[in-house]
Amino acid sequence: MIKFENCSESIQAVKLNLKGDADKTDVNTLNINGDEDMGFSIAFFTPNDEQIKLNGSSEVINFDSSDSQSITFSASLKKTETDVAEGAFSATATFEVEYL
């Protein structure tokens, strides 16, 4: 969840820009760092279940009239290879907020 507080009334909406290392098979998803090629990556979704393309922008997310807003997004693992390996992994992504 990303929470916005004390927002100016001039901010009507936002876009989320997701930055990170793209998976080699599906460039719209986040590459994971594991002991081997694990066969999956991470996909991120807006509250409307629209996938946020990695190194791209989300749909416009409108704010209501209050000065406190929350955007709950989700992430899921996405199979990118026929075989999937088990084990520990990590990944790093950065969200940039574009105020509209």
N, C-alpha and C. Protein backbone atom coordinates (compact mmCIF):
# COMPACT_ATOMS: atom_id res chain seq x y z
N MET A 1 0.84 -1.17 0.00
CA MET A 1 0.00 0.00 0.00
C MET A 1 0.89 1.24 0.00
N ILE A 2 0.49 2.20 -0.78
CA ILE A 2 1.13 3.51 -0.76
C ILE A 2 0.10 4.48 -0.19
N LYS A 3 0.48 5.20 0.85
CA LYS A 3 -0.44 6.13 1.51
C LYS A 3 0.02 7.56 1.28
N PHE A 4 -0.91 8.40 0.89
CA PHE A 4 -0.66 9.82 0.66
C PHE A 4 -1.42 10.59 1.73
N GLU A 5 -0.75 11.49 2.43
CA GLU A 5 -1.40 12.28 3.46
C GLU A 5 -1.15 13.76 3.22
N ASN A 6 -2.10 14.58 3.70
CA ASN A 6 -2.01 16.04 3.56
C ASN A 6 -1.81 16.46 2.10
N CYS A 7 -2.56 15.84 1.22
CA CYS A 7 -2.43 16.14 -0.21
C CYS A 7 -3.10 17.48 -0.54
N SER A 8 -2.48 18.20 -1.42
CA SER A 8 -3.05 19.44 -1.91
C SER A 8 -4.31 19.14 -2.71
N GLU A 9 -5.28 20.04 -2.63
CA GLU A 9 -6.51 19.86 -3.41
C GLU A 9 -6.24 19.91 -4.91
N SER A 10 -5.10 20.45 -5.31
CA SER A 10 -4.78 20.53 -6.73
C SER A 10 -4.38 19.16 -7.31
N ILE A 11 -4.06 18.19 -6.45
CA ILE A 11 -3.71 16.85 -6.93
C ILE A 11 -5.00 16.06 -7.11
N GLN A 12 -5.30 15.74 -8.33
CA GLN A 12 -6.54 15.04 -8.66
C GLN A 12 -6.33 13.54 -8.89
N ALA A 13 -5.09 13.17 -9.25
CA ALA A 13 -4.82 11.77 -9.59
C ALA A 13 -3.31 11.54 -9.59
N VAL A 14 -2.92 10.28 -9.68
CA VAL A 14 -1.51 9.92 -9.77
C VAL A 14 -1.35 8.80 -10.79
N LYS A 15 -0.12 8.62 -11.24
CA LYS A 15 0.31 7.45 -11.99
C LYS A 15 1.49 6.87 -11.23
N LEU A 16 1.58 5.57 -11.18
CA LEU A 16 2.72 4.91 -10.57
C LEU A 16 3.67 4.45 -11.66
N ASN A 17 4.93 4.83 -11.54
CA ASN A 17 5.96 4.40 -12.47
C ASN A 17 6.82 3.38 -11.74
N LEU A 18 6.88 2.17 -12.25
CA LEU A 18 7.59 1.07 -11.62
C LEU A 18 8.92 0.87 -12.33
N LYS A 19 10.01 0.95 -11.57
CA LYS A 19 11.36 0.83 -12.13
C LYS A 19 12.05 -0.40 -11.55
N GLY A 20 12.83 -1.10 -12.37
CA GLY A 20 13.57 -2.25 -11.90
C GLY A 20 14.18 -3.01 -13.06
N ASP A 21 14.90 -4.09 -12.73
CA ASP A 21 15.52 -4.94 -13.75
C ASP A 21 14.48 -5.88 -14.34
N ALA A 22 14.31 -5.81 -15.65
CA ALA A 22 13.30 -6.63 -16.33
C ALA A 22 13.74 -8.08 -16.45
N ASP A 23 12.76 -8.97 -16.39
CA ASP A 23 13.01 -10.38 -16.64
C ASP A 23 13.38 -10.56 -18.10
N LYS A 24 14.27 -11.50 -18.39
CA LYS A 24 14.73 -11.68 -19.78
C LYS A 24 13.65 -12.25 -20.69
N THR A 25 12.68 -12.99 -20.11
CA THR A 25 11.63 -13.59 -20.91
C THR A 25 10.41 -12.69 -21.03
N ASP A 26 10.04 -12.04 -19.94
CA ASP A 26 8.87 -11.15 -19.92
C ASP A 26 9.33 -9.79 -19.41
N VAL A 27 9.62 -8.87 -20.32
CA VAL A 27 10.20 -7.58 -19.96
C VAL A 27 9.24 -6.69 -19.17
N ASN A 28 7.97 -7.07 -19.06
CA ASN A 28 7.01 -6.31 -18.28
C ASN A 28 6.98 -6.73 -16.81
N THR A 29 7.82 -7.69 -16.44
CA THR A 29 7.87 -8.18 -15.07
C THR A 29 9.27 -8.01 -14.49
N LEU A 30 9.34 -8.05 -13.16
CA LEU A 30 10.57 -7.81 -12.42
C LEU A 30 11.39 -9.09 -12.32
N ASN A 31 12.66 -9.00 -12.70
CA ASN A 31 13.58 -10.12 -12.59
C ASN A 31 13.84 -10.44 -11.12
N ILE A 32 13.96 -11.71 -10.81
CA ILE A 32 14.29 -12.10 -9.45
C ILE A 32 15.74 -12.55 -9.40
N ASN A 33 16.36 -12.40 -8.23
CA ASN A 33 17.73 -12.84 -8.01
C ASN A 33 17.69 -14.09 -7.15
N GLY A 34 18.10 -15.21 -7.72
CA GLY A 34 18.12 -16.48 -7.00
C GLY A 34 19.42 -17.21 -7.27
N ASP A 35 19.52 -18.40 -6.73
CA ASP A 35 20.73 -19.20 -6.91
C ASP A 35 20.90 -19.68 -8.34
N GLU A 36 19.82 -19.71 -9.10
CA GLU A 36 19.83 -20.17 -10.48
C GLU A 36 18.69 -19.49 -11.22
N ASP A 37 18.53 -19.80 -12.50
CA ASP A 37 17.37 -19.30 -13.24
C ASP A 37 16.17 -20.04 -12.69
N MET A 38 15.31 -19.35 -11.98
CA MET A 38 14.25 -20.02 -11.24
C MET A 38 12.97 -20.22 -12.06
N GLY A 39 12.87 -19.57 -13.22
CA GLY A 39 11.73 -19.80 -14.10
C GLY A 39 10.50 -18.96 -13.81
N PHE A 40 10.66 -17.91 -13.00
CA PHE A 40 9.53 -17.03 -12.74
C PHE A 40 10.03 -15.62 -12.48
N SER A 41 9.10 -14.69 -12.51
CA SER A 41 9.39 -13.28 -12.26
C SER A 41 8.22 -12.71 -11.43
N ILE A 42 8.25 -11.40 -11.18
CA ILE A 42 7.21 -10.79 -10.36
C ILE A 42 6.42 -9.78 -11.20
N ALA A 43 5.11 -9.91 -11.19
CA ALA A 43 4.21 -8.97 -11.86
C ALA A 43 3.50 -8.13 -10.80
N PHE A 44 3.31 -6.85 -11.07
CA PHE A 44 2.64 -5.91 -10.15
C PHE A 44 1.33 -5.45 -10.77
N PHE A 45 0.32 -5.22 -9.92
CA PHE A 45 -1.01 -4.86 -10.39
C PHE A 45 -1.58 -3.68 -9.61
N THR A 46 -2.35 -2.83 -10.30
CA THR A 46 -3.04 -1.70 -9.68
C THR A 46 -4.26 -2.21 -8.92
N PRO A 47 -4.95 -1.31 -8.19
CA PRO A 47 -6.19 -1.73 -7.51
C PRO A 47 -7.25 -2.25 -8.47
N ASN A 48 -7.18 -1.89 -9.74
CA ASN A 48 -8.14 -2.36 -10.75
C ASN A 48 -7.66 -3.62 -11.46
N ASP A 49 -6.62 -4.25 -10.90
CA ASP A 49 -6.03 -5.48 -11.46
C ASP A 49 -5.41 -5.29 -12.84
N GLU A 50 -5.01 -4.07 -13.16
CA GLU A 50 -4.27 -3.82 -14.39
C GLU A 50 -2.79 -4.02 -14.07
N GLN A 51 -2.11 -4.79 -14.91
CA GLN A 51 -0.69 -5.00 -14.67
C GLN A 51 0.08 -3.70 -14.92
N ILE A 52 0.96 -3.36 -14.00
CA ILE A 52 1.85 -2.21 -14.17
C ILE A 52 3.07 -2.72 -14.91
N LYS A 53 3.30 -2.23 -16.10
CA LYS A 53 4.45 -2.68 -16.88
C LYS A 53 5.73 -2.16 -16.24
N LEU A 54 6.69 -3.04 -16.09
CA LEU A 54 7.97 -2.65 -15.52
C LEU A 54 8.61 -1.60 -16.41
N ASN A 55 9.16 -0.57 -15.80
CA ASN A 55 9.77 0.56 -16.49
C ASN A 55 8.75 1.28 -17.35
N GLY A 56 7.51 1.27 -16.87
CA GLY A 56 6.40 1.95 -17.53
C GLY A 56 5.48 2.54 -16.49
N SER A 57 4.34 3.06 -16.92
CA SER A 57 3.40 3.74 -16.03
C SER A 57 2.12 2.94 -15.87
N SER A 58 1.50 3.12 -14.72
CA SER A 58 0.19 2.52 -14.47
C SER A 58 -0.88 3.35 -15.15
N GLU A 59 -2.11 2.88 -15.05
CA GLU A 59 -3.26 3.67 -15.43
C GLU A 59 -3.33 4.88 -14.50
N VAL A 60 -4.11 5.88 -14.86
CA VAL A 60 -4.34 7.02 -13.97
C VAL A 60 -5.22 6.54 -12.81
N ILE A 61 -4.77 6.84 -11.59
CA ILE A 61 -5.52 6.48 -10.39
C ILE A 61 -6.06 7.77 -9.78
N ASN A 62 -7.38 7.94 -9.83
CA ASN A 62 -8.02 9.18 -9.37
C ASN A 62 -8.09 9.22 -7.85
N PHE A 63 -7.93 10.43 -7.32
CA PHE A 63 -8.10 10.68 -5.89
C PHE A 63 -9.52 11.17 -5.64
N ASP A 64 -10.01 10.93 -4.42
CA ASP A 64 -11.28 11.54 -4.05
C ASP A 64 -10.99 12.90 -3.41
N SER A 65 -11.95 13.50 -2.77
CA SER A 65 -11.78 14.87 -2.29
C SER A 65 -11.10 14.96 -0.92
N SER A 66 -10.76 13.85 -0.28
CA SER A 66 -10.13 13.92 1.04
C SER A 66 -8.63 14.22 0.90
N ASP A 67 -8.00 14.62 2.02
CA ASP A 67 -6.57 14.95 1.96
C ASP A 67 -5.69 13.74 2.30
N SER A 68 -6.30 12.57 2.46
CA SER A 68 -5.55 11.34 2.73
C SER A 68 -6.04 10.26 1.76
N GLN A 69 -5.12 9.67 1.04
CA GLN A 69 -5.45 8.66 0.03
C GLN A 69 -4.57 7.44 0.23
N SER A 70 -5.08 6.27 -0.13
CA SER A 70 -4.29 5.05 -0.10
C SER A 70 -4.48 4.32 -1.42
N ILE A 71 -3.40 3.76 -1.91
CA ILE A 71 -3.45 2.93 -3.12
C ILE A 71 -2.89 1.57 -2.73
N THR A 72 -3.74 0.56 -2.82
CA THR A 72 -3.30 -0.79 -2.51
C THR A 72 -3.05 -1.51 -3.82
N PHE A 73 -1.84 -1.95 -4.01
CA PHE A 73 -1.50 -2.69 -5.21
C PHE A 73 -1.12 -4.10 -4.80
N SER A 74 -0.98 -4.98 -5.77
CA SER A 74 -0.61 -6.36 -5.46
C SER A 74 0.50 -6.82 -6.38
N ALA A 75 1.11 -7.92 -6.00
CA ALA A 75 2.17 -8.53 -6.79
C ALA A 75 1.98 -10.03 -6.78
N SER A 76 2.38 -10.68 -7.85
CA SER A 76 2.30 -12.13 -7.88
C SER A 76 3.46 -12.67 -8.71
N LEU A 77 3.80 -13.92 -8.44
CA LEU A 77 4.84 -14.58 -9.22
C LEU A 77 4.24 -15.02 -10.54
N LYS A 78 5.02 -14.86 -11.61
CA LYS A 78 4.55 -15.23 -12.94
C LYS A 78 5.54 -16.21 -13.55
N LYS A 79 5.05 -17.35 -13.94
CA LYS A 79 5.89 -18.38 -14.56
C LYS A 79 6.38 -17.89 -15.92
N THR A 80 7.70 -17.96 -16.13
CA THR A 80 8.28 -17.50 -17.40
C THR A 80 9.01 -18.61 -18.15
N GLU A 81 9.20 -19.75 -17.52
CA GLU A 81 9.88 -20.89 -18.12
C GLU A 81 9.03 -22.15 -17.91
N THR A 82 9.31 -23.20 -18.68
CA THR A 82 8.59 -24.46 -18.52
C THR A 82 8.85 -25.06 -17.15
N ASP A 83 10.12 -25.07 -16.73
CA ASP A 83 10.49 -25.62 -15.43
C ASP A 83 10.71 -24.50 -14.43
N VAL A 84 10.18 -24.69 -13.23
CA VAL A 84 10.33 -23.72 -12.15
C VAL A 84 11.13 -24.36 -11.03
N ALA A 85 12.14 -23.63 -10.54
CA ALA A 85 12.98 -24.13 -9.44
C ALA A 85 12.48 -23.56 -8.12
N GLU A 86 12.70 -24.31 -7.05
CA GLU A 86 12.35 -23.79 -5.73
C GLU A 86 13.60 -23.20 -5.08
N GLY A 87 13.38 -22.35 -4.10
CA GLY A 87 14.50 -21.77 -3.37
C GLY A 87 14.25 -20.31 -3.03
N ALA A 88 15.19 -19.78 -2.30
CA ALA A 88 15.10 -18.38 -1.87
C ALA A 88 15.44 -17.45 -3.04
N PHE A 89 14.82 -16.29 -3.04
CA PHE A 89 15.12 -15.28 -4.05
C PHE A 89 14.86 -13.90 -3.47
N SER A 90 15.34 -12.89 -4.16
CA SER A 90 15.06 -11.50 -3.79
C SER A 90 14.86 -10.69 -5.07
N ALA A 91 14.30 -9.51 -4.90
CA ALA A 91 14.09 -8.60 -6.02
C ALA A 91 13.93 -7.19 -5.46
N THR A 92 14.30 -6.20 -6.26
CA THR A 92 14.18 -4.81 -5.83
C THR A 92 13.49 -4.00 -6.93
N ALA A 93 12.47 -3.27 -6.53
CA ALA A 93 11.75 -2.38 -7.45
C ALA A 93 11.59 -1.03 -6.78
N THR A 94 11.46 0.00 -7.59
CA THR A 94 11.25 1.36 -7.10
C THR A 94 9.98 1.91 -7.72
N PHE A 95 9.11 2.49 -6.89
CA PHE A 95 7.92 3.17 -7.38
C PHE A 95 8.19 4.67 -7.40
N GLU A 96 7.92 5.30 -8.54
CA GLU A 96 7.94 6.75 -8.64
C GLU A 96 6.49 7.19 -8.81
N VAL A 97 6.13 8.28 -8.17
CA VAL A 97 4.76 8.77 -8.24
C VAL A 97 4.72 10.01 -9.11
N GLU A 98 3.84 10.00 -10.09
CA GLU A 98 3.63 11.16 -10.95
C GLU A 98 2.29 11.78 -10.55
N TYR A 99 2.35 13.01 -10.02
CA TYR A 99 1.15 13.70 -9.56
C TYR A 99 0.48 14.40 -10.74
N LEU A 100 -0.84 14.23 -10.85
CA LEU A 100 -1.60 14.82 -11.96
C LEU A 100 -2.64 15.79 -11.42
